[in-house]
PDB file of all heavy atoms in Angstrom:
ATOM      1  N   SER A   1     -75.407 110.560-206.110  1.00  0.00           N
ATOM      2  CA  SER A   1     -73.939 111.096-205.796  1.00  0.00           C
ATOM      3  C   SER A   1     -73.966 112.640-206.117  1.00  0.00           C
ATOM      4  O   SER A   1     -72.991 113.165-205.737  1.00  0.00           O
ATOM      5  CB  SER A   1     -72.928 110.337-206.619  1.00  0.00           C
ATOM      6  OG  SER A   1     -73.320 110.480-207.914  1.00  0.00           O
ATOM      7  N   ILE A   2     -74.868 113.230-206.795  1.00  0.00           N
ATOM      8  CA  ILE A   2     -74.868 114.593-207.161  1.00  0.00           C
ATOM      9  C   ILE A   2     -76.334 115.122-206.950  1.00  0.00           C
ATOM     10  O   ILE A   2     -77.140 114.503-207.362  1.00  0.00           O
ATOM     11  CB  ILE A   2     -74.303 114.854-208.556  1.00  0.00           C
ATOM     12  CG1 ILE A   2     -74.042 116.320-208.671  1.00  0.00           C
ATOM     13  CG2 ILE A   2     -75.207 114.195-209.578  1.00  0.00           C
ATOM     14  CD1 ILE A   2     -73.110 116.622-209.936  1.00  0.00           C
ATOM     15  N   GLY A   3     -76.348 116.235-206.399  1.00  0.00           N
ATOM     16  CA  GLY A   3     -77.621 116.844-206.162  1.00  0.00           C
ATOM     17  C   GLY A   3     -77.939 118.034-206.931  1.00  0.00           C
ATOM     18  O   GLY A   3     -77.154 119.076-206.866  1.00  0.00           O
ATOM     19  N   ARG A   4     -78.799 118.014-207.797  1.00  0.00           N
ATOM     20  CA  ARG A   4     -79.124 119.142-208.693  1.00  0.00           C
ATOM     21  C   ARG A   4     -80.614 119.554-208.342  1.00  0.00           C
ATOM     22  O   ARG A   4     -81.375 118.647-207.911  1.00  0.00           O
ATOM     23  CB  ARG A   4     -78.912 118.874-210.137  1.00  0.00           C
ATOM     24  CG  ARG A   4     -77.438 118.694-210.512  1.00  0.00           C
ATOM     25  CD  ARG A   4     -77.189 118.594-212.026  1.00  0.00           C
ATOM     26  NE  ARG A   4     -78.030 117.687-212.748  1.00  0.00           N
ATOM     27  CZ  ARG A   4     -77.476 116.472-213.160  1.00  0.00           C
ATOM     28  NH1 ARG A   4     -76.328 116.060-212.961  1.00  0.00           N
ATOM     29  NH2 ARG A   4     -78.293 115.768-213.934  1.00  0.00           N
ATOM     30  N   ASN A   5     -81.032 120.698-208.915  1.00  0.00           N
ATOM     31  CA  ASN A   5     -82.471 121.148-208.525  1.00  0.00           C
ATOM     32  C   ASN A   5     -83.415 120.107-208.808  1.00  0.00           C
ATOM     33  O   ASN A   5     -83.656 119.776-210.031  1.00  0.00           O
ATOM     34  CB  ASN A   5     -82.572 122.391-209.317  1.00  0.00           C
ATOM     35  CG  ASN A   5     -83.890 123.106-208.983  1.00  0.00           C
ATOM     36  OD1 ASN A   5     -84.380 122.918-207.879  1.00  0.00           O
ATOM     37  ND2 ASN A   5     -84.477 123.731-209.967  1.00  0.00           N
ATOM     38  N   ARG A   6     -84.135 119.675-207.916  1.00  0.00           N
ATOM     39  CA  ARG A   6     -85.274 118.812-207.926  1.00  0.00           C
ATOM     40  C   ARG A   6     -84.928 117.346-208.739  1.00  0.00           C
ATOM     41  O   ARG A   6     -85.739 116.866-209.507  1.00  0.00           O
ATOM     42  CB  ARG A   6     -86.548 119.407-208.664  1.00  0.00           C
ATOM     43  CG  ARG A   6     -86.959 120.731-207.775  1.00  0.00           C
ATOM     44  CD  ARG A   6     -88.102 121.401-208.537  1.00  0.00           C
ATOM     45  NE  ARG A   6     -89.238 120.568-208.819  1.00  0.00           N
ATOM     46  CZ  ARG A   6     -90.191 120.259-208.048  1.00  0.00           C
ATOM     47  NH1 ARG A   6     -90.242 120.715-206.836  1.00  0.00           N
ATOM     48  NH2 ARG A   6     -91.174 119.541-208.456  1.00  0.00           N
ATOM     49  N   ILE A   7     -83.714 117.071-208.637  1.00  0.00           N
ATOM     50  CA  ILE A   7     -83.255 115.876-209.555  1.00  0.00           C
ATOM     51  C   ILE A   7     -84.127 114.596-209.355  1.00  0.00           C
ATOM     52  O   ILE A   7     -84.391 113.918-210.297  1.00  0.00           O
ATOM     53  CB  ILE A   7     -81.757 115.608-209.320  1.00  0.00           C
ATOM     54  CG1 ILE A   7     -81.121 114.714-210.356  1.00  0.00           C
ATOM     55  CG2 ILE A   7     -81.456 115.085-207.832  1.00  0.00           C
ATOM     56  CD1 ILE A   7     -81.001 115.300-211.693  1.00  0.00           C
ATOM     57  N   ILE A   8     -84.381 114.217-208.131  1.00  0.00           N
ATOM     58  CA  ILE A   8     -85.148 113.055-207.958  1.00  0.00           C
ATOM     59  C   ILE A   8     -86.551 113.151-208.551  1.00  0.00           C
ATOM     60  O   ILE A   8     -87.025 112.272-209.239  1.00  0.00           O
ATOM     61  CB  ILE A   8     -85.219 112.627-206.467  1.00  0.00           C
ATOM     62  CG1 ILE A   8     -83.692 112.332-205.914  1.00  0.00           C
ATOM     63  CG2 ILE A   8     -86.206 111.502-206.250  1.00  0.00           C
ATOM     64  CD1 ILE A   8     -83.660 112.152-204.467  1.00  0.00           C
ATOM     65  N   ARG A   9     -87.291 114.265-208.263  1.00  0.00           N
ATOM     66  CA  ARG A   9     -88.651 114.486-208.724  1.00  0.00           C
ATOM     67  C   ARG A   9     -88.602 114.548-210.299  1.00  0.00           C
ATOM     68  O   ARG A   9     -89.442 113.801-210.913  1.00  0.00           O
ATOM     69  CB  ARG A   9     -89.158 115.789-208.160  1.00  0.00           C
ATOM     70  CG  ARG A   9     -89.394 115.749-206.718  1.00  0.00           C
ATOM     71  CD  ARG A   9     -90.239 117.012-206.353  1.00  0.00           C
ATOM     72  NE  ARG A   9     -90.266 117.069-204.921  1.00  0.00           N
ATOM     73  CZ  ARG A   9     -91.175 116.458-204.060  1.00  0.00           C
ATOM     74  NH1 ARG A   9     -92.063 115.849-204.657  1.00  0.00           N
ATOM     75  NH2 ARG A   9     -91.149 116.735-202.770  1.00  0.00           N
ATOM     76  N   ARG A  10     -87.622 115.189-210.892  1.00  0.00           N
ATOM     77  CA  ARG A  10     -87.608 115.318-212.385  1.00  0.00           C
ATOM     78  C   ARG A  10     -87.245 113.831-213.012  1.00  0.00           C
ATOM     79  O   ARG A  10     -87.860 113.543-214.028  1.00  0.00           O
ATOM     80  CB  ARG A  10     -86.558 116.274-212.791  1.00  0.00           C
ATOM     81  CG  ARG A  10     -86.979 117.715-212.459  1.00  0.00           C
ATOM     82  CD  ARG A  10     -86.123 118.731-213.037  1.00  0.00           C
ATOM     83  NE  ARG A  10     -84.653 118.671-212.514  1.00  0.00           N
ATOM     84  CZ  ARG A  10     -83.576 118.441-213.256  1.00  0.00           C
ATOM     85  NH1 ARG A  10     -83.665 118.585-214.588  1.00  0.00           N
ATOM     86  NH2 ARG A  10     -82.450 118.525-212.738  1.00  0.00           N
ATOM     87  N   ALA A  11     -86.396 113.142-212.380  1.00  0.00           N
ATOM     88  CA  ALA A  11     -86.042 111.794-212.925  1.00  0.00           C
ATOM     89  C   ALA A  11     -87.109 110.830-212.827  1.00  0.00           C
ATOM     90  O   ALA A  11     -87.434 110.199-213.741  1.00  0.00           O
ATOM     91  CB  ALA A  11     -84.680 111.232-212.111  1.00  0.00           C
ATOM     92  N   PHE A  12     -87.869 110.795-211.618  1.00  0.00           N
ATOM     93  CA  PHE A  12     -89.030 109.888-211.574  1.00  0.00           C
ATOM     94  C   PHE A  12     -90.104 110.255-212.488  1.00  0.00           C
ATOM     95  O   PHE A  12     -90.779 109.445-212.944  1.00  0.00           O
ATOM     96  CB  PHE A  12     -89.423 109.707-210.156  1.00  0.00           C
ATOM     97  CG  PHE A  12     -88.511 108.701-209.350  1.00  0.00           C
ATOM     98  CD1 PHE A  12     -87.401 109.018-208.850  1.00  0.00           C
ATOM     99  CD2 PHE A  12     -89.101 107.386-209.137  1.00  0.00           C
ATOM    100  CE1 PHE A  12     -86.571 108.099-208.270  1.00  0.00           C
ATOM    101  CE2 PHE A  12     -88.326 106.532-208.568  1.00  0.00           C
ATOM    102  CZ  PHE A  12     -87.009 106.898-208.003  1.00  0.00           C
ATOM    103  N   HIS A  13     -90.339 111.603-212.728  1.00  0.00           N
ATOM    104  CA  HIS A  13     -91.374 112.131-213.529  1.00  0.00           C
ATOM    105  C   HIS A  13     -90.989 111.592-214.958  1.00  0.00           C
ATOM    106  O   HIS A  13     -92.084 111.158-215.768  1.00  0.00           O
ATOM    107  CB  HIS A  13     -91.311 113.631-213.609  1.00  0.00           C
ATOM    108  CG  HIS A  13     -92.307 114.178-214.459  1.00  0.00           C
ATOM    109  ND1 HIS A  13     -93.716 114.185-214.328  1.00  0.00           N
ATOM    110  CD2 HIS A  13     -92.222 114.821-215.699  1.00  0.00           C
ATOM    111  CE1 HIS A  13     -94.279 114.684-215.290  1.00  0.00           C
ATOM    112  NE2 HIS A  13     -93.433 115.068-216.147  1.00  0.00           N
ATOM    113  N   ASN A  14     -89.815 111.585-215.412  1.00  0.00           N
ATOM    114  CA  ASN A  14     -89.476 111.029-216.757  1.00  0.00           C
ATOM    115  C   ASN A  14     -89.931 109.497-216.920  1.00  0.00           C
ATOM    116  O   ASN A  14     -90.053 109.158-218.088  1.00  0.00           O
ATOM    117  CB  ASN A  14     -87.973 111.163-217.063  1.00  0.00           C
ATOM    118  CG  ASN A  14     -87.594 112.561-217.373  1.00  0.00           C
ATOM    119  OD1 ASN A  14     -88.337 113.390-217.777  1.00  0.00           O
ATOM    120  ND2 ASN A  14     -86.279 112.856-217.161  1.00  0.00           N
ATOM    121  N   PHE A  15     -89.917 108.771-215.820  1.00  0.00           N
ATOM    122  CA  PHE A  15     -90.334 107.377-215.901  1.00  0.00           C
ATOM    123  C   PHE A  15     -91.874 107.243-215.641  1.00  0.00           C
ATOM    124  O   PHE A  15     -92.321 106.111-215.431  1.00  0.00           O
ATOM    125  CB  PHE A  15     -89.654 106.545-214.892  1.00  0.00           C
ATOM    126  CG  PHE A  15     -88.128 106.357-215.298  1.00  0.00           C
ATOM    127  CD1 PHE A  15     -87.093 107.021-214.417  1.00  0.00           C
ATOM    128  CD2 PHE A  15     -87.726 105.777-216.435  1.00  0.00           C
ATOM    129  CE1 PHE A  15     -85.816 106.981-214.847  1.00  0.00           C
ATOM    130  CE2 PHE A  15     -86.456 105.615-216.791  1.00  0.00           C
ATOM    131  CZ  PHE A  15     -85.399 106.264-216.075  1.00  0.00           C
ATOM    132  N   GLY A  16     -92.635 108.305-215.535  1.00  0.00           N
ATOM    133  CA  GLY A  16     -94.072 108.264-215.274  1.00  0.00           C
ATOM    134  C   GLY A  16     -94.510 108.115-213.844  1.00  0.00           C
ATOM    135  O   GLY A  16     -95.596 107.805-213.503  1.00  0.00           O
ATOM    136  N   TYR A  17     -93.574 108.487-212.803  1.00  0.00           N
ATOM    137  CA  TYR A  17     -93.886 108.317-211.513  1.00  0.00           C
ATOM    138  C   TYR A  17     -94.016 109.857-210.926  1.00  0.00           C
ATOM    139  O   TYR A  17     -93.335 110.691-211.346  1.00  0.00           O
ATOM    140  CB  TYR A  17     -92.753 107.605-210.650  1.00  0.00           C
ATOM    141  CG  TYR A  17     -92.758 106.063-211.039  1.00  0.00           C
ATOM    142  CD1 TYR A  17     -91.791 105.698-211.949  1.00  0.00           C
ATOM    143  CD2 TYR A  17     -93.697 105.255-210.441  1.00  0.00           C
ATOM    144  CE1 TYR A  17     -91.691 104.357-212.287  1.00  0.00           C
ATOM    145  CE2 TYR A  17     -93.558 103.973-210.807  1.00  0.00           C
ATOM    146  CZ  TYR A  17     -92.577 103.424-211.748  1.00  0.00           C
ATOM    147  OH  TYR A  17     -92.451 102.077-212.041  1.00  0.00           O
ATOM    148  N   THR A  18     -94.858 109.862-209.824  1.00  0.00           N
ATOM    149  CA  THR A  18     -94.882 111.249-209.107  1.00  0.00           C
ATOM    150  C   THR A  18     -94.273 110.992-207.715  1.00  0.00           C
ATOM    151  O   THR A  18     -94.792 110.083-206.999  1.00  0.00           O
ATOM    152  CB  THR A  18     -96.326 111.521-208.925  1.00  0.00           C
ATOM    153  OG1 THR A  18     -96.885 111.747-210.281  1.00  0.00           O
ATOM    154  CG2 THR A  18     -96.458 112.882-208.176  1.00  0.00           C
ATOM    155  N   VAL A  19     -93.339 111.849-207.336  1.00  0.00           N
ATOM    156  CA  VAL A  19     -92.786 111.768-206.051  1.00  0.00           C
ATOM    157  C   VAL A  19     -93.674 112.582-205.045  1.00  0.00           C
ATOM    158  O   VAL A  19     -93.824 113.781-205.358  1.00  0.00           O
ATOM    159  CB  VAL A  19     -91.310 112.178-205.961  1.00  0.00           C
ATOM    160  CG1 VAL A  19     -90.838 112.270-204.622  1.00  0.00           C
ATOM    161  CG2 VAL A  19     -90.487 111.390-206.856  1.00  0.00           C
ATOM    162  N   ILE A  20     -94.283 111.900-204.009  1.00  0.00           N
ATOM    163  CA  ILE A  20     -95.109 112.691-203.146  1.00  0.00           C
ATOM    164  C   ILE A  20     -94.323 113.285-201.960  1.00  0.00           C
ATOM    165  O   ILE A  20     -94.607 114.368-201.488  1.00  0.00           O
ATOM    166  CB  ILE A  20     -96.184 111.583-202.660  1.00  0.00           C
ATOM    167  CG1 ILE A  20     -97.058 111.209-203.884  1.00  0.00           C
ATOM    168  CG2 ILE A  20     -97.113 112.426-201.616  1.00  0.00           C
ATOM    169  CD1 ILE A  20     -97.952 110.139-203.617  1.00  0.00           C
ATOM    170  N   GLN A  21     -93.367 112.481-201.442  1.00  0.00           N
ATOM    171  CA  GLN A  21     -92.675 113.031-200.291  1.00  0.00           C
ATOM    172  C   GLN A  21     -91.232 112.572-200.405  1.00  0.00           C
ATOM    173  O   GLN A  21     -90.884 111.394-200.834  1.00  0.00           O
ATOM    174  CB  GLN A  21     -93.304 112.506-199.107  1.00  0.00           C
ATOM    175  CG  GLN A  21     -92.738 112.970-197.747  1.00  0.00           C
ATOM    176  CD  GLN A  21     -93.446 112.363-196.574  1.00  0.00           C
ATOM    177  OE1 GLN A  21     -94.194 111.440-196.527  1.00  0.00           O
ATOM    178  NE2 GLN A  21     -93.209 112.988-195.429  1.00  0.00           N
ATOM    179  N   LEU A  22     -90.244 113.494-200.013  1.00  0.00           N
ATOM    180  CA  LEU A  22     -88.825 113.158-199.981  1.00  0.00           C
ATOM    181  C   LEU A  22     -88.388 113.382-198.514  1.00  0.00           C
ATOM    182  O   LEU A  22     -88.829 114.336-197.838  1.00  0.00           O
ATOM    183  CB  LEU A  22     -88.041 113.973-200.824  1.00  0.00           C
ATOM    184  CG  LEU A  22     -88.165 113.765-202.324  1.00  0.00           C
ATOM    185  CD1 LEU A  22     -87.387 114.888-203.129  1.00  0.00           C
ATOM    186  CD2 LEU A  22     -87.601 112.375-202.716  1.00  0.00           C
ATOM    187  N   HIS A  23     -87.354 112.595-198.103  1.00  0.00           N
ATOM    188  CA  HIS A  23     -86.902 112.816-196.771  1.00  0.00           C
ATOM    189  C   HIS A  23     -85.385 112.491-196.912  1.00  0.00           C
ATOM    190  O   HIS A  23     -84.966 111.334-197.191  1.00  0.00           O
ATOM    191  CB  HIS A  23     -87.552 111.816-195.800  1.00  0.00           C
ATOM    192  CG  HIS A  23     -87.105 111.907-194.403  1.00  0.00           C
ATOM    193  ND1 HIS A  23     -87.352 112.917-193.618  1.00  0.00           N
ATOM    194  CD2 HIS A  23     -86.185 111.117-193.825  1.00  0.00           C
ATOM    195  CE1 HIS A  23     -86.697 112.721-192.357  1.00  0.00           C
ATOM    196  NE2 HIS A  23     -86.023 111.654-192.463  1.00  0.00           N
ATOM    197  N   ARG A  24     -84.606 113.570-196.615  1.00  0.00           N
ATOM    198  CA  ARG A  24     -83.021 113.415-196.716  1.00  0.00           C
ATOM    199  C   ARG A  24     -82.658 112.689-195.325  1.00  0.00           C
ATOM    200  O   ARG A  24     -83.037 113.127-194.325  1.00  0.00           O
ATOM    201  CB  ARG A  24     -82.455 114.707-196.883  1.00  0.00           C
ATOM    202  CG  ARG A  24     -80.879 114.629-196.934  1.00  0.00           C
ATOM    203  CD  ARG A  24     -80.236 115.953-196.939  1.00  0.00           C
ATOM    204  NE  ARG A  24     -80.672 116.820-197.927  1.00  0.00           N
ATOM    205  CZ  ARG A  24     -79.973 117.071-199.126  1.00  0.00           C
ATOM    206  NH1 ARG A  24     -78.942 116.488-199.233  1.00  0.00           N
ATOM    207  NH2 ARG A  24     -80.526 117.878-199.906  1.00  0.00           N
ATOM    208  N   ILE A  25     -81.914 111.576-195.624  1.00  0.00           N
ATOM    209  CA  ILE A  25     -81.344 110.937-194.342  1.00  0.00           C
ATOM    210  C   ILE A  25     -79.941 111.260-194.033  1.00  0.00           C
ATOM    211  O   ILE A  25     -79.442 110.940-192.936  1.00  0.00           O
ATOM    212  CB  ILE A  25     -81.607 109.426-194.374  1.00  0.00           C
ATOM    213  CG1 ILE A  25     -80.983 108.844-195.634  1.00  0.00           C
ATOM    214  CG2 ILE A  25     -83.198 109.102-194.401  1.00  0.00           C
ATOM    215  CD1 ILE A  25     -81.059 107.279-195.666  1.00  0.00           C
ATOM    216  N   SER A  26     -79.202 111.770-195.057  1.00  0.00           N
ATOM    217  CA  SER A  26     -77.771 112.226-194.888  1.00  0.00           C
ATOM    218  C   SER A  26     -77.389 113.089-195.990  1.00  0.00           C
ATOM    219  O   SER A  26     -77.940 113.125-197.109  1.00  0.00           O
ATOM    220  CB  SER A  26     -76.914 110.854-194.823  1.00  0.00           C
ATOM    221  OG  SER A  26     -76.825 110.282-196.201  1.00  0.00           O
ATOM    222  N   ILE A  27     -76.206 113.763-195.698  1.00  0.00           N
ATOM    223  CA  ILE A  27     -75.466 114.558-196.706  1.00  0.00           C
ATOM    224  C   ILE A  27     -74.003 114.433-196.386  1.00  0.00           C
ATOM    225  O   ILE A  27     -73.597 114.759-195.251  1.00  0.00           O
ATOM    226  CB  ILE A  27     -76.032 116.009-196.747  1.00  0.00           C
ATOM    227  CG1 ILE A  27     -75.207 116.851-197.891  1.00  0.00           C
ATOM    228  CG2 ILE A  27     -75.891 116.691-195.295  1.00  0.00           C
ATOM    229  CD1 ILE A  27     -75.661 118.254-198.055  1.00  0.00           C
ATOM    230  N   GLY A  28     -73.354 113.759-197.328  1.00  0.00           N
ATOM    231  CA  GLY A  28     -71.929 113.542-197.050  1.00  0.00           C
ATOM    232  C   GLY A  28     -71.899 112.551-195.867  1.00  0.00           C
ATOM    233  O   GLY A  28     -72.514 111.523-195.701  1.00  0.00           O
ATOM    234  N   CYS A  29     -71.065 112.916-194.962  1.00  0.00           N
ATOM    235  CA  CYS A  29     -70.775 112.041-193.702  1.00  0.00           C
ATOM    236  C   CYS A  29     -71.693 112.293-192.622  1.00  0.00           C
ATOM    237  O   CYS A  29     -71.693 111.675-191.549  1.00  0.00           O
ATOM    238  CB  CYS A  29     -69.286 112.309-193.276  1.00  0.00           C
ATOM    239  SG  CYS A  29     -69.033 114.058-192.737  1.00  0.00           S
ATOM    240  N   ILE A  30     -72.590 113.336-192.775  1.00  0.00           N
ATOM    241  CA  ILE A  30     -73.515 113.732-191.745  1.00  0.00           C
ATOM    242  C   ILE A  30     -74.865 112.872-191.936  1.00  0.00           C
ATOM    243  O   ILE A  30     -75.493 112.923-192.873  1.00  0.00           O
ATOM    244  CB  ILE A  30     -73.889 115.168-191.747  1.00  0.00           C
ATOM    245  CG1 ILE A  30     -72.633 115.951-191.512  1.00  0.00           C
ATOM    246  CG2 ILE A  30     -74.945 115.544-190.585  1.00  0.00           C
ATOM    247  CD1 ILE A  30     -72.780 117.482-191.686  1.00  0.00           C
ATOM    248  N   GLN A  31     -75.184 112.090-190.784  1.00  0.00           N
ATOM    249  CA  GLN A  31     -76.368 111.262-190.900  1.00  0.00           C
ATOM    250  C   GLN A  31     -77.410 111.965-189.954  1.00  0.00           C
ATOM    251  O   GLN A  31     -77.157 112.462-188.880  1.00  0.00           O
ATOM    252  CB  GLN A  31     -76.081 109.837-190.260  1.00  0.00           C
ATOM    253  CG  GLN A  31     -74.976 109.029-190.992  1.00  0.00           C
ATOM    254  CD  GLN A  31     -75.532 108.549-192.243  1.00  0.00           C
ATOM    255  OE1 GLN A  31     -76.624 108.114-192.368  1.00  0.00           O
ATOM    256  NE2 GLN A  31     -74.694 108.629-193.290  1.00  0.00           N
ATOM    257  N   LEU A  32     -78.630 111.809-190.479  1.00  0.00           N
ATOM    258  CA  LEU A  32     -79.796 112.471-189.679  1.00  0.00           C
ATOM    259  C   LEU A  32     -80.027 111.576-188.409  1.00  0.00           C
ATOM    260  O   LEU A  32     -80.334 112.234-187.423  1.00  0.00           O
ATOM    261  CB  LEU A  32     -81.014 112.582-190.542  1.00  0.00           C
ATOM    262  CG  LEU A  32     -82.195 113.159-189.914  1.00  0.00           C
ATOM    263  CD1 LEU A  32     -82.014 114.629-189.587  1.00  0.00           C
ATOM    264  CD2 LEU A  32     -83.407 113.017-190.822  1.00  0.00           C
ATOM    265  N   GLY A  33     -79.937 110.301-188.519  1.00  0.00           N
ATOM    266  CA  GLY A  33     -80.049 109.498-187.395  1.00  0.00           C
ATOM    267  C   GLY A  33     -81.710 109.497-186.904  1.00  0.00           C
ATOM    268  O   GLY A  33     -82.520 109.630-187.552  1.00  0.00           O
ATOM    269  N   ASN A  34     -81.620 109.645-185.523  1.00  0.00           N
ATOM    270  CA  ASN A  34     -82.955 109.610-184.918  1.00  0.00           C
ATOM    271  C   ASN A  34     -83.449 111.120-184.540  1.00  0.00           C
ATOM    272  O   ASN A  34     -84.336 111.263-183.746  1.00  0.00           O
ATOM    273  CB  ASN A  34     -82.955 108.728-183.590  1.00  0.00           C
ATOM    274  CG  ASN A  34     -82.785 107.367-183.964  1.00  0.00           C
ATOM    275  OD1 ASN A  34     -83.236 106.818-185.005  1.00  0.00           O
ATOM    276  ND2 ASN A  34     -82.109 106.700-183.070  1.00  0.00           N
ATOM    277  N   LEU A  35     -82.854 112.074-185.147  1.00  0.00           N
ATOM    278  CA  LEU A  35     -83.305 113.451-184.846  1.00  0.00           C
ATOM    279  C   LEU A  35     -84.665 113.676-185.315  1.00  0.00           C
ATOM    280  O   LEU A  35     -85.106 113.425-186.432  1.00  0.00           O
ATOM    281  CB  LEU A  35     -82.324 114.281-185.678  1.00  0.00           C
ATOM    282  CG  LEU A  35     -82.286 115.927-185.420  1.00  0.00           C
ATOM    283  CD1 LEU A  35     -81.861 116.107-183.975  1.00  0.00           C
ATOM    284  CD2 LEU A  35     -81.492 116.611-186.292  1.00  0.00           C
ATOM    285  N   GLU A  36     -85.495 114.205-184.332  1.00  0.00           N
ATOM    286  CA  GLU A  36     -86.849 114.415-184.651  1.00  0.00           C
ATOM    287  C   GLU A  36     -87.183 115.494-185.535  1.00  0.00           C
ATOM    288  O   GLU A  36     -86.311 116.461-185.606  1.00  0.00           O
ATOM    289  CB  GLU A  36     -87.639 114.548-183.313  1.00  0.00           C
ATOM    290  CG  GLU A  36     -87.616 113.238-182.492  1.00  0.00           C
ATOM    291  CD  GLU A  36     -88.507 113.420-181.138  1.00  0.00           C
ATOM    292  OE1 GLU A  36     -89.366 114.201-181.198  1.00  0.00           O
ATOM    293  OE2 GLU A  36     -88.085 112.742-180.244  1.00  0.00           O
ATOM    294  N   PHE A  37     -88.328 115.539-186.186  1.00  0.00           N
ATOM    295  CA  PHE A  37     -88.647 116.520-187.142  1.00  0.00           C
ATOM    296  C   PHE A  37     -88.701 117.937-186.435  1.00  0.00           C
ATOM    297  O   PHE A  37     -89.194 118.070-185.382  1.00  0.00           O
ATOM    298  CB  PHE A  37     -90.058 116.221-187.701  1.00  0.00           C
ATOM    299  CG  PHE A  37     -90.548 117.283-188.594  1.00  0.00           C
ATOM    300  CD1 PHE A  37     -90.170 117.316-189.976  1.00  0.00           C
ATOM    301  CD2 PHE A  37     -91.439 118.203-188.326  1.00  0.00           C
ATOM    302  CE1 PHE A  37     -90.582 118.256-190.881  1.00  0.00           C
ATOM    303  CE2 PHE A  37     -91.896 119.191-189.240  1.00  0.00           C
ATOM    304  CZ  PHE A  37     -91.526 119.234-190.510  1.00  0.00           C
TER     305      PHE A  37
END
């Protein structure tokens, strides 16, 4: 619900996991949908 600098990577690191790849699928009401890279 809130995005801070590298929040997902830092949080998972605290639990001993490494995030290799992230992919945002939406921000607020805007959905990425089938939009190609």
